[in-house]
Protein backbone atom coordinates (compact mmCIF):
# COMPACT_ATOMS: atom_id res chain seq x y z
CA MET A 1 8.50 -22.36 -14.63
CA SER A 2 9.13 -18.77 -15.72
CA PRO A 3 7.37 -16.14 -13.53
CA ILE A 4 6.06 -14.39 -16.68
CA LEU A 5 4.65 -17.69 -17.94
CA ILE A 6 2.91 -18.25 -14.60
CA GLN A 7 1.36 -14.78 -14.88
CA ALA A 8 0.31 -15.46 -18.47
CA LEU A 9 -1.31 -18.78 -17.58
CA GLN A 10 -3.32 -17.21 -14.75
CA PHE A 11 -4.32 -14.30 -16.99
CA LEU A 12 -5.54 -16.54 -19.83
CA LEU A 13 -7.25 -19.04 -17.52
CA SER A 14 -9.11 -16.33 -15.61
CA LEU A 15 -10.25 -14.38 -18.67
CA SER A 16 -11.20 -17.53 -20.60
CA LEU A 17 -13.27 -18.78 -17.69
CA LEU A 18 -15.07 -15.45 -17.28
CA ILE A 19 -15.71 -15.00 -21.01
CA VAL A 20 -17.13 -18.50 -21.43
CA LEU A 21 -19.38 -18.11 -18.38
CA HIS A 22 -20.53 -14.67 -19.54
CA GLU A 23 -21.49 -15.97 -22.97
CA LEU A 24 -23.10 -19.00 -21.36
CA GLY A 25 -25.30 -16.51 -19.50
CA HIS A 26 -26.67 -15.39 -22.89
CA PHE A 27 -26.70 -18.87 -24.41
CA VAL A 28 -28.80 -20.68 -21.77
CA PRO A 29 -31.82 -18.30 -21.67
CA ALA A 30 -31.70 -18.02 -25.46
CA LYS A 31 -32.05 -21.79 -25.75
CA LEU A 32 -34.72 -21.86 -23.02
CA PHE A 33 -36.76 -19.38 -25.04
CA LYS A 34 -36.20 -21.48 -28.20
CA THR A 35 -33.99 -18.86 -29.85
CA ARG A 36 -31.44 -20.15 -32.33
CA VAL A 37 -27.80 -19.62 -31.36
CA GLU A 38 -25.61 -19.87 -34.44
CA LYS A 39 -22.16 -19.45 -32.82
CA PHE A 40 -20.60 -19.76 -29.37
CA TYR A 41 -17.00 -18.51 -29.39
CA LEU A 42 -14.18 -17.95 -26.96
CA PHE A 43 -12.10 -15.11 -28.48
CA PHE A 44 -12.85 -13.60 -31.88
CA ASP A 45 -12.59 -15.60 -35.10
CA ILE A 46 -11.85 -12.85 -37.63
CA LYS A 47 -11.15 -14.66 -40.92
CA TYR A 48 -10.36 -18.00 -39.27
CA SER A 49 -10.68 -20.09 -36.10
CA LEU A 50 -8.18 -22.05 -34.07
CA PHE A 51 -10.89 -24.63 -33.46
CA LYS A 52 -14.55 -25.04 -34.39
CA LYS A 53 -17.13 -27.79 -34.32
CA LYS A 54 -20.81 -27.70 -35.16
CA ILE A 55 -23.13 -29.46 -32.72
CA GLY A 56 -26.79 -29.24 -33.62
CA GLU A 57 -27.52 -25.74 -34.91
CA THR A 58 -24.58 -24.08 -33.08
CA VAL A 59 -20.93 -23.79 -34.09
CA TYR A 60 -18.66 -23.88 -31.03
CA GLY A 61 -15.15 -22.54 -31.48
CA ILE A 62 -12.04 -20.72 -30.31
CA GLY A 63 -10.88 -17.66 -32.22
CA TRP A 64 -7.35 -16.38 -32.60
CA LEU A 65 -7.90 -12.82 -31.29
CA PRO A 66 -8.10 -12.89 -27.45
CA LEU A 67 -10.14 -9.73 -26.97
CA GLY A 68 -13.25 -11.38 -25.60
CA GLY A 69 -15.85 -13.79 -26.93
CA TYR A 70 -19.40 -13.85 -28.25
CA VAL A 71 -22.55 -15.79 -29.01
CA LYS A 72 -24.22 -15.07 -32.35
CA ILE A 73 -27.96 -15.15 -31.79
CA ALA A 74 -30.15 -15.38 -34.89
CA GLY A 75 -32.22 -12.31 -35.66
CA MET A 76 -30.18 -9.94 -33.50
CA ILE A 77 -28.11 -6.95 -34.58
CA ASP A 78 -24.79 -7.49 -32.86
CA GLU A 79 -21.07 -7.13 -33.53
CA SER A 80 -21.36 -9.49 -36.53
CA MET A 81 -23.46 -6.82 -38.35
CA ASP A 82 -25.27 -9.59 -40.25
CA THR A 83 -27.72 -7.27 -42.05
CA GLU A 84 -28.53 -9.86 -44.71
CA GLN A 85 -30.31 -12.04 -42.18
CA MET A 86 -32.22 -9.03 -40.87
CA SER A 87 -33.52 -8.14 -44.35
CA GLY A 88 -35.81 -11.17 -44.45
CA PRO A 89 -39.12 -11.60 -42.61
CA PRO A 90 -38.82 -12.47 -38.88
CA GLU A 91 -38.74 -16.19 -38.12
CA PRO A 92 -40.26 -17.58 -34.90
CA TRP A 93 -36.85 -18.86 -33.74
CA GLU A 94 -35.17 -15.46 -34.11
CA PHE A 95 -34.32 -13.05 -31.31
CA ARG A 96 -36.33 -10.23 -32.87
CA SER A 97 -39.50 -12.36 -32.81
CA LYS A 98 -39.39 -12.93 -29.05
CA PRO A 99 -41.29 -10.81 -26.52
CA ALA A 100 -39.33 -7.87 -25.10
CA TRP A 101 -39.16 -9.42 -21.62
CA GLN A 102 -37.52 -12.57 -23.02
CA ARG A 103 -35.02 -10.52 -25.02
CA LEU A 104 -34.23 -8.53 -21.86
CA ILE A 105 -33.52 -11.71 -19.90
CA ILE A 106 -31.27 -12.99 -22.69
CA MET A 107 -29.30 -9.73 -22.76
CA LEU A 108 -28.96 -9.53 -18.97
CA GLY A 109 -27.89 -13.17 -18.74
CA GLY A 110 -24.18 -12.50 -19.22
CA VAL A 111 -23.77 -9.85 -16.53
CA THR A 112 -26.04 -11.81 -14.18
CA VAL A 113 -23.76 -14.82 -14.47
CA ASN A 114 -20.67 -12.66 -13.91
CA PHE A 115 -22.15 -11.14 -10.76
CA LEU A 116 -23.21 -14.59 -9.57
CA VAL A 117 -19.75 -16.05 -10.25
CA ALA A 118 -18.09 -13.29 -8.21
CA LEU A 119 -20.54 -13.76 -5.35
CA LEU A 120 -20.00 -17.53 -5.25
CA ILE A 121 -16.22 -17.13 -5.36
CA TYR A 122 -16.29 -14.73 -2.41
CA ILE A 123 -18.57 -17.06 -0.46
CA PHE A 124 -16.63 -20.27 -1.05
CA ALA A 125 -13.22 -18.58 -0.74
CA SER A 126 -14.31 -17.25 2.66
CA TRP A 127 -15.35 -20.74 3.70
CA PHE A 128 -12.29 -22.54 2.27
CA TYR A 129 -9.52 -20.02 3.00
CA GLY A 130 -10.97 -17.76 5.66
CA ASP A 131 -9.42 -14.33 6.08
CA ALA A 132 -5.92 -13.29 7.09
CA TYR A 133 -5.12 -9.61 7.29
CA ILE A 134 -2.90 -7.09 9.01
CA SER A 135 -4.70 -5.17 11.75
CA THR A 136 -4.21 -1.42 11.22
CA SER A 137 -4.59 -0.72 14.93
CA SER A 138 -1.55 -2.91 15.64
CA ILE A 139 0.86 -1.29 13.15
CA LYS A 140 3.89 0.15 14.95
CA GLY A 141 5.69 3.30 13.87
CA GLY A 142 3.09 4.52 11.39
CA TYR A 143 3.47 4.19 7.62
CA GLN A 144 6.22 4.83 5.09
CA VAL A 145 5.28 7.68 2.76
CA THR A 146 7.31 8.57 -0.36
CA ASN A 147 4.59 9.71 -2.78
CA PRO A 148 5.21 13.35 -3.84
CA VAL A 149 1.50 14.25 -3.74
CA LEU A 150 1.14 13.08 -0.15
CA LEU A 151 4.43 14.67 0.86
CA GLU A 152 3.33 18.00 -0.63
CA MET A 153 0.15 17.77 1.46
CA GLY A 154 2.32 17.53 4.56
CA VAL A 155 2.09 13.79 5.19
CA ARG A 156 5.31 12.28 6.51
CA THR A 157 6.78 8.84 7.12
CA GLY A 158 5.77 7.80 10.61
CA ASP A 159 2.28 9.27 10.36
CA ASN A 160 -0.57 6.91 11.11
CA LEU A 161 -3.54 6.80 8.71
CA VAL A 162 -6.52 6.41 11.01
CA ALA A 163 -9.54 7.15 8.80
CA ILE A 164 -10.63 7.56 5.17
CA ASP A 165 -13.60 9.85 4.53
CA GLY A 166 -14.37 9.58 8.23
CA GLU A 167 -14.45 5.78 8.29
CA ARG A 168 -11.92 3.67 10.21
CA TYR A 169 -10.71 0.32 8.90
CA ASP A 170 -9.06 -2.47 10.86
CA ASN A 171 -8.11 -4.42 7.73
CA TYR A 172 -5.01 -2.96 6.04
CA ASP A 173 -6.12 -4.25 2.62
CA ASP A 174 -9.48 -2.48 3.01
CA LEU A 175 -7.65 0.69 4.00
CA ARG A 176 -5.51 0.67 0.86
CA ARG A 177 -8.41 -0.23 -1.45
CA ASN A 178 -10.61 2.62 -0.19
CA LEU A 179 -7.74 5.10 -0.25
CA ILE A 180 -7.80 5.01 -4.06
CA THR A 181 -11.16 6.81 -4.21
CA ALA A 182 -10.81 8.86 -1.01
CA GLU A 183 -11.60 12.56 -0.78
CA GLN A 184 -10.31 13.09 2.76
CA ILE A 185 -7.86 11.29 5.04
CA THR A 186 -7.30 11.58 8.76
CA ILE A 187 -3.75 11.12 10.00
CA GLU A 188 -2.34 10.94 13.50
CA ARG A 189 1.04 12.45 14.43
CA ASP A 190 2.40 12.71 17.96
CA GLY A 191 -1.02 11.82 19.37
CA GLN A 192 -2.80 14.58 17.42
CA GLU A 193 -5.27 13.88 14.61
CA GLN A 194 -5.73 16.10 11.57
CA THR A 195 -7.95 15.72 8.51
CA LEU A 196 -6.51 16.51 5.09
CA THR A 197 -8.39 16.95 1.81
CA LEU A 198 -6.88 15.15 -1.17
CA PRO A 199 -6.58 17.08 -4.45
CA GLU A 200 -9.51 16.50 -6.81
CA ASP A 201 -7.08 15.12 -9.39
CA PHE A 202 -5.29 12.89 -6.87
CA LEU A 203 -5.88 9.77 -8.96
CA GLY A 204 -4.65 11.55 -12.08
CA GLN A 205 -1.46 12.70 -10.35
CA LEU A 206 -0.95 9.24 -8.90
CA SER A 207 -1.39 7.60 -12.32
CA THR A 208 1.07 9.84 -14.13
CA GLY A 209 3.69 10.10 -11.39
CA GLU A 210 6.79 7.96 -11.07
CA ASP A 211 5.97 7.03 -7.46
CA ILE A 212 2.57 5.32 -7.23
CA SER A 213 3.02 4.19 -3.62
CA LEU A 214 0.59 5.37 -0.94
CA PHE A 215 0.74 4.47 2.74
CA GLU A 216 3.12 1.51 2.78
CA LEU A 217 3.95 -0.72 5.72
CA ARG A 218 7.00 0.52 7.58
CA LEU A 219 9.19 -2.57 7.76
CA PRO A 220 12.63 -3.52 9.11
CA PHE A 221 15.59 -4.52 6.98
CA ILE A 222 15.76 -8.32 6.91
CA VAL A 223 18.29 -9.89 4.58
CA HIS A 224 16.61 -11.87 1.82
CA SER A 225 19.65 -12.58 -0.36
CA VAL A 226 23.13 -11.30 -1.19
CA PRO A 227 23.98 -11.36 -4.93
CA ASP A 228 27.40 -12.66 -5.93
CA SER A 229 28.00 -9.29 -7.60
CA SER A 230 27.43 -7.39 -4.34
CA GLN A 231 30.34 -5.61 -2.68
CA ASN A 232 29.25 -7.41 0.50
CA ALA A 233 29.07 -10.92 -0.98
CA GLY A 234 31.73 -12.15 1.45
CA ALA A 235 30.88 -9.93 4.42
CA GLY A 236 29.16 -12.69 6.40
CA LEU A 237 25.54 -11.74 5.95
CA LYS A 238 23.00 -14.58 5.97
CA LYS A 239 19.40 -14.85 4.87
CA GLY A 240 17.11 -13.84 7.71
CA ASP A 241 19.58 -11.48 9.42
CA TRP A 242 17.68 -8.61 11.06
CA VAL A 243 19.61 -5.33 10.88
CA ARG A 244 19.43 -3.58 14.28
CA ARG A 245 22.21 -0.98 14.27
CA VAL A 246 24.10 0.89 11.55
CA GLY A 247 27.12 3.07 12.35
CA GLY A 248 26.28 2.86 16.04
CA GLN A 249 22.71 4.12 15.49
CA GLN A 250 19.69 1.97 16.23
CA VAL A 251 17.49 1.40 13.14
CA ALA A 252 14.05 -0.09 13.60
CA TYR A 253 12.90 0.52 10.04
CA PHE A 254 14.31 0.31 6.54
CA ASP A 255 13.72 4.04 5.90
CA GLN A 256 15.84 4.87 8.97
CA MET A 257 18.61 2.57 7.76
CA ALA A 258 18.56 4.17 4.29
CA GLU A 259 19.03 7.62 5.81
CA VAL A 260 21.99 6.48 7.93
CA LEU A 261 23.68 4.74 4.99
CA LYS A 262 23.67 8.01 3.03
CA GLN A 263 26.20 9.32 5.56
CA TYR A 264 28.62 6.51 4.67
CA ARG A 265 28.63 6.70 0.86
CA GLY A 266 31.81 5.09 -0.49
CA GLN A 267 32.90 3.99 3.00
CA SER A 268 32.66 0.98 5.29
CA VAL A 269 30.22 1.01 8.18
CA PRO A 270 29.83 -1.17 11.29
CA VAL A 271 26.50 -3.01 11.27
CA GLN A 272 24.91 -5.16 13.94
CA VAL A 273 22.38 -7.80 12.95
CA GLU A 274 20.32 -10.17 15.05
CA ARG A 275 20.71 -13.80 14.06
CA ASP A 276 18.92 -16.62 15.90
CA GLY A 277 18.24 -14.23 18.77
CA ALA A 278 21.88 -13.18 19.22
CA PRO A 279 23.71 -10.01 18.04
CA VAL A 280 26.33 -10.38 15.29
CA ASP A 281 28.72 -7.53 14.41
CA LEU A 282 29.78 -7.07 10.78
CA GLU A 283 31.61 -4.52 8.65
CA LEU A 284 29.83 -3.65 5.38
CA GLN A 285 30.82 -1.61 2.35
CA VAL A 286 28.51 1.20 1.21
CA ASN A 287 28.59 2.17 -2.47
CA SER A 288 28.45 5.69 -3.90
CA GLU A 289 24.63 5.56 -3.97
CA GLY A 290 24.40 4.81 -0.26
CA LYS A 291 23.45 1.15 -0.72
CA ILE A 292 24.93 -2.12 0.53
CA GLY A 293 23.96 -4.28 -2.45
CA VAL A 294 21.70 -6.61 -0.46
CA PHE A 295 18.08 -7.61 -1.17
CA ASN A 296 15.66 -6.88 1.65
CA GLY A 297 12.53 -8.89 2.41
CA GLY A 298 10.89 -11.09 4.99
CA SER A 299 7.57 -12.84 5.40
CA ILE A 300 4.40 -11.49 6.99
CA ALA A 301 4.83 -14.17 9.66
CA ARG A 302 8.35 -12.94 10.45
CA TYR A 303 7.28 -9.30 10.71
CA THR A 304 4.44 -10.37 12.99
CA GLU A 305 6.86 -12.40 15.12
CA LEU A 306 9.12 -9.35 15.48
CA GLY A 307 6.18 -7.25 16.68
CA TYR A 308 5.80 -4.80 13.79
CA PHE A 309 2.08 -5.58 13.50
CA ASP A 310 -0.47 -8.26 14.32
CA THR A 311 -2.02 -10.61 11.80
CA VAL A 312 -5.68 -11.45 12.30
CA ILE A 313 -6.76 -14.89 11.12
CA LYS A 314 -10.46 -15.66 10.82
CA GLU A 315 -12.14 -18.90 9.87
CA TYR A 316 -15.79 -19.15 8.87
CA GLY A 317 -18.31 -21.95 8.97
CA PHE A 318 -20.14 -22.92 5.79
CA PHE A 319 -23.30 -20.94 6.52
CA GLU A 320 -21.40 -18.02 8.05
CA SER A 321 -19.37 -17.69 4.84
CA PHE A 322 -22.52 -16.71 2.92
CA ALA A 323 -22.88 -13.48 4.91
CA VAL A 324 -19.14 -12.78 4.80
CA GLY A 325 -18.87 -13.42 1.07
CA THR A 326 -21.94 -11.30 0.34
CA ARG A 327 -20.44 -8.36 2.26
CA LYS A 328 -17.20 -8.64 0.27
CA PHE A 329 -19.17 -8.83 -2.96
CA GLY A 330 -21.19 -5.72 -2.14
CA SER A 331 -18.10 -3.81 -1.04
CA GLN A 332 -16.25 -4.60 -4.27
CA ILE A 333 -19.19 -3.52 -6.45
CA ALA A 334 -19.57 -0.24 -4.54
CA GLY A 335 -15.84 0.44 -4.77
CA TYR A 336 -15.67 -0.27 -8.49
CA TRP A 337 -18.71 1.92 -9.26
CA LEU A 338 -17.01 4.74 -7.37
CA GLN A 339 -13.83 4.26 -9.42
CA LEU A 340 -15.85 4.40 -12.65
CA LYS A 341 -17.55 7.58 -11.49
CA LYS A 342 -14.15 9.20 -11.00
CA ILE A 343 -12.88 7.90 -14.34
CA PHE A 344 -15.81 9.52 -16.16
CA THR A 345 -15.29 12.79 -14.27
CA PRO A 346 -12.53 14.56 -16.26
CA SER A 347 -11.54 16.92 -13.43
CA THR A 348 -10.32 13.99 -11.31
CA GLY A 349 -7.78 12.95 -13.95
CA ALA A 350 -8.58 9.34 -13.07
CA TYR A 351 -8.92 8.49 -16.75
CA LYS A 352 -5.13 8.76 -17.00
CA GLY A 353 -4.84 5.60 -14.93
CA VAL A 354 -7.16 3.50 -17.10
CA GLY A 355 -5.29 0.41 -18.23
CA GLY A 356 -5.81 -2.29 -20.84
CA PHE A 357 -4.71 -5.89 -21.07
CA LYS A 358 -1.23 -5.15 -19.74
CA ALA A 359 -2.73 -3.59 -16.60
CA ILE A 360 -4.94 -6.66 -16.06
CA PHE A 361 -1.97 -8.95 -16.72
CA ASP A 362 0.06 -7.14 -14.05
CA ILE A 363 -2.61 -7.76 -11.40
CA PHE A 364 -1.70 -11.45 -11.35
CA PRO A 365 1.31 -12.44 -9.21
CA ASP A 366 4.35 -14.16 -10.73
CA PHE A 367 3.81 -17.18 -8.48
CA TRP A 368 0.88 -19.58 -8.38
CA SER A 369 -1.63 -19.08 -5.59
CA TRP A 370 -5.13 -20.46 -5.96
CA GLN A 371 -6.42 -18.13 -3.25
CA GLY A 372 -4.98 -15.12 -5.05
CA PHE A 373 -6.19 -16.41 -8.41
CA TRP A 374 -9.79 -16.76 -7.24
CA ASN A 375 -9.81 -13.35 -5.52
CA ILE A 376 -8.54 -11.65 -8.69
CA THR A 377 -10.98 -13.63 -10.85
CA ALA A 378 -13.90 -12.54 -8.63
CA PHE A 379 -12.88 -8.89 -8.98
CA LEU A 380 -12.46 -9.21 -12.76
CA SER A 381 -15.88 -10.86 -12.97
CA ILE A 382 -17.41 -7.82 -11.27
CA MET A 383 -15.43 -5.52 -13.54
CA LEU A 384 -16.61 -7.39 -16.65
CA ALA A 385 -20.23 -7.25 -15.49
CA VAL A 386 -20.17 -3.55 -14.61
CA LEU A 387 -18.43 -2.55 -17.85
CA ASN A 388 -20.92 -4.59 -19.89
CA LEU A 389 -23.76 -2.67 -18.24
CA LEU A 390 -22.49 0.65 -19.61
CA PRO A 391 -25.13 2.09 -22.01
CA ILE A 392 -22.97 1.69 -25.10
CA PRO A 393 -24.83 0.01 -28.01
CA ALA A 394 -22.08 -2.53 -28.70
CA LEU A 395 -22.29 -3.74 -25.09
CA ASP A 396 -25.06 -5.58 -23.25
CA GLY A 397 -25.99 -2.34 -21.49
CA GLY A 398 -26.74 -0.68 -24.83
CA HIS A 399 -29.13 -3.46 -25.85
CA VAL A 400 -30.76 -3.32 -22.41
CA MET A 401 -31.20 0.45 -22.75
CA PHE A 402 -33.08 0.08 -26.05
CA LEU A 403 -35.16 -2.82 -24.71
CA LEU A 404 -36.22 -0.80 -21.67
CA TYR A 405 -37.18 2.06 -24.00
CA GLU A 406 -39.28 -0.37 -26.03
CA MET A 407 -40.99 -1.82 -22.94
CA ILE A 408 -41.79 1.62 -21.51
CA SER A 409 -42.80 3.42 -24.72
CA GLY A 410 -44.30 0.46 -26.56
CA ARG A 411 -42.27 1.42 -29.64
CA LYS A 412 -39.49 -0.77 -30.96
CA PRO A 413 -36.46 0.99 -32.53
CA SER A 414 -36.16 0.17 -36.22
CA ASP A 415 -33.58 -2.33 -37.47
CA LYS A 416 -31.87 0.44 -39.43
CA PHE A 417 -31.55 2.57 -36.29
CA MET A 418 -30.16 -0.41 -34.38
CA GLU A 419 -27.60 -0.98 -37.15
CA TYR A 420 -26.37 2.61 -36.92
CA ALA A 421 -26.38 2.49 -33.12
CA GLN A 422 -24.38 -0.73 -33.17
CA MET A 423 -21.81 0.83 -35.51
CA VAL A 424 -21.45 3.91 -33.28
CA GLY A 425 -21.15 1.73 -30.20
CA PHE A 426 -18.56 -0.46 -31.90
CA PHE A 427 -16.38 2.53 -32.75
CA LEU A 428 -16.78 3.90 -29.20
CA LEU A 429 -15.74 0.54 -27.81
CA ILE A 430 -12.71 0.34 -30.11
CA ALA A 431 -11.75 3.88 -29.04
CA LEU A 432 -11.95 2.88 -25.36
CA ILE A 433 -9.83 -0.22 -25.99
CA LEU A 434 -7.24 1.80 -27.91
CA PHE A 435 -7.18 4.46 -25.19
CA ALA A 436 -6.77 1.94 -22.35
CA ASN A 437 -4.03 -0.03 -24.10
CA GLY A 438 -2.43 3.19 -25.29
CA ASN A 439 -2.14 4.20 -21.63
CA ASP A 440 -0.34 0.91 -20.97
CA ILE A 441 2.11 1.59 -23.79
CA TYR A 442 2.70 5.17 -22.68
CA LYS A 443 3.44 4.09 -19.10
CA ALA A 444 5.81 1.38 -20.33
CA LEU A 445 7.72 3.90 -22.45
CA THR A 446 7.91 6.65 -19.80
CA ASN A 447 8.64 4.57 -16.69
């Protein structure tokens, strides 16, 4: 199956699942409070539907525009802008006739379900898969650094990243995730630690730069494959060969090998690889760019076996997984809120990195992994919930904002005001969607 098709299937399955569950979060309390639900749709059905069927008083369907989904609740000013229905007297089965506390529960149902889905995924994934991560304290030779922003700050390949905002992390994935929103980093070089302050617009520079790498694992050169078109197709290299020496110089890491190869542009160079525990001497051709035309890549298990770092594997019992999953859930929410804070702070430039559907699509790997799929789906569920809580009238958070005002003040906003607010919110939402997807297009054209 095509890698792009695999990505597309994961993307559609994940979003469809989250959208249906979100709308179900509105649908169930609405029905419990005897509120009529006229439509329940996956995707938007502008002009026509791919599928629809009426069961009872509700039309269930699938629209053709995959930008989300919705439930149309009678007597509610929503994205349908059905003002004709609102012009008549309130009916007992309409949303507007229900007490404010019931309307609040209905509106919070979607985000509640999304938060709950993420929490349950983290809990059961912890129980079923456990955790496997690279221990930062075991990483040999520091990190590879090529990002211009970090290099300008004085960070160099071989430096060890020991703390972010004063906190130390043993899990390499946690380290990378928290680096995105960091203000300060502590590096170690030659046994000496120093704390560096990241530029306020670090995220903006990272988003618009050609090199978006941060602190990458410093790995050896292990032959993954040799294309038939390579100048070294018949040189004797085999998959799994571990390059140890180039031009008589020992190379422990790929970055060291790349530097040595630059000295042999357009020439041949003696190379020693380790194969099945024994040294093998070869003669390789280096092209004018200082490359040997060979794909590099090994497995985490192989790198661990060679001593470049240690992999920690943890398994959790059923009841233990509840605490572990809850911690992961809380950490992801805190991290995403912090990212949003930076995005809505113009001086950070983080808004330049906001992506649309293409950015979400790219999160999914081009191979099928249920563990990866569920982890990404849990994160997207949190993202969907948090974004829906934003106080924009077209979103759940906007409706909640007006309901809280009504409950506190005792005054209900007029239907006409809600119509105008919904229109403003709709245009704001469209602007955000256009901006995010415009960023995707811009990056595709400039990279």
